[in-house]
C-alpha cells in the first residue's frame, strides 16, 4: 500500500502564492510514488482545487466545522468542503488546540461531522514536552484517543487517519527536532493498538514533527509509519518533491 505524504501549508501563503505553489507541484509531481495531499488555507481551496483536478494530487483542508449547517458564524461546513473536492481534513492539530483552545469534545464532534459528509478525518494527537519528560506519553495519547474517538464508527480502515505529531518536535517550536524514526515507529505501533481496540479497525498513522527531505526516507522505511504530515518543508517545491518520491 502506498504511503501518504500530506502538505499542511498552514497560514503561510497568500492566495497568489498558494496558486503559484500548487501549479509548481502539479508540474513537478506528476507520478508520485506515494499518495500526496495538499492542504492550503480556506481562502485558496477553491482555486487550488481547480489546479489539482487533472493531477494525481489530492485536496485536503486544514479544519472543518463540527456541524454540516447552521448559524455558526465564521465556520466552514464539511459539506461545503466536500463540494469543493476536498477528500481529507486535518482535525485537532496541536496549533488549534493551543491557540484556539480546541478540546477533545470539540474535536470529537468535528471527526463525526467529517465522516458524516464523506470526508476522511486526519486526527492529530501528540504530547507536549512535559508529558514526554515525565514518562507520561503513552497514557496521554491513550486518553486523547479515547476522548476524540468516543462514539466514532467507521466502515473501513481507510475512512480515518491518525497523525502523531509530538508537540515538542514541531518545527515552529523553539529548538524543535524530530524524534528518531525508531522511537516514532514504536509510538505509532502503540497508537495503532489502542485505535484498533476503539474502532475495531486497523487504521493508518502518519508522523508529523519536523520531517524533511533529509529524514523522510528513514521515517517512511518504518513498518508502522504510514506517511508524513509535513509543515514547513511542504512550502519548498524541491524538498517536498524529494519527500514524496
Foldseek 3Di string as FASTA:
>chain_A
DAFEAEEAADQPDDLVLVLVLLLLCQVLPADFSHAYEYEDEPVNLLVSLVSCVPGSHAYEYAFAFLAQDDDDPPGHHLLVVVVSRHAEYEFDPPCCCPVVVDDLQRLLSRCQRNLVNNHAYAYEDAEEPVCVVVVNGLVRLLVSCCSNCPPPEDDAQRRYEYEYEHPQQAPVDPPHHDDFLVVVQVSLVSNQVSVCVRHVYRHAYAYEGPDKLVCLVRNVVRPRHRYYHYYPRSSDSVTVSSSRD
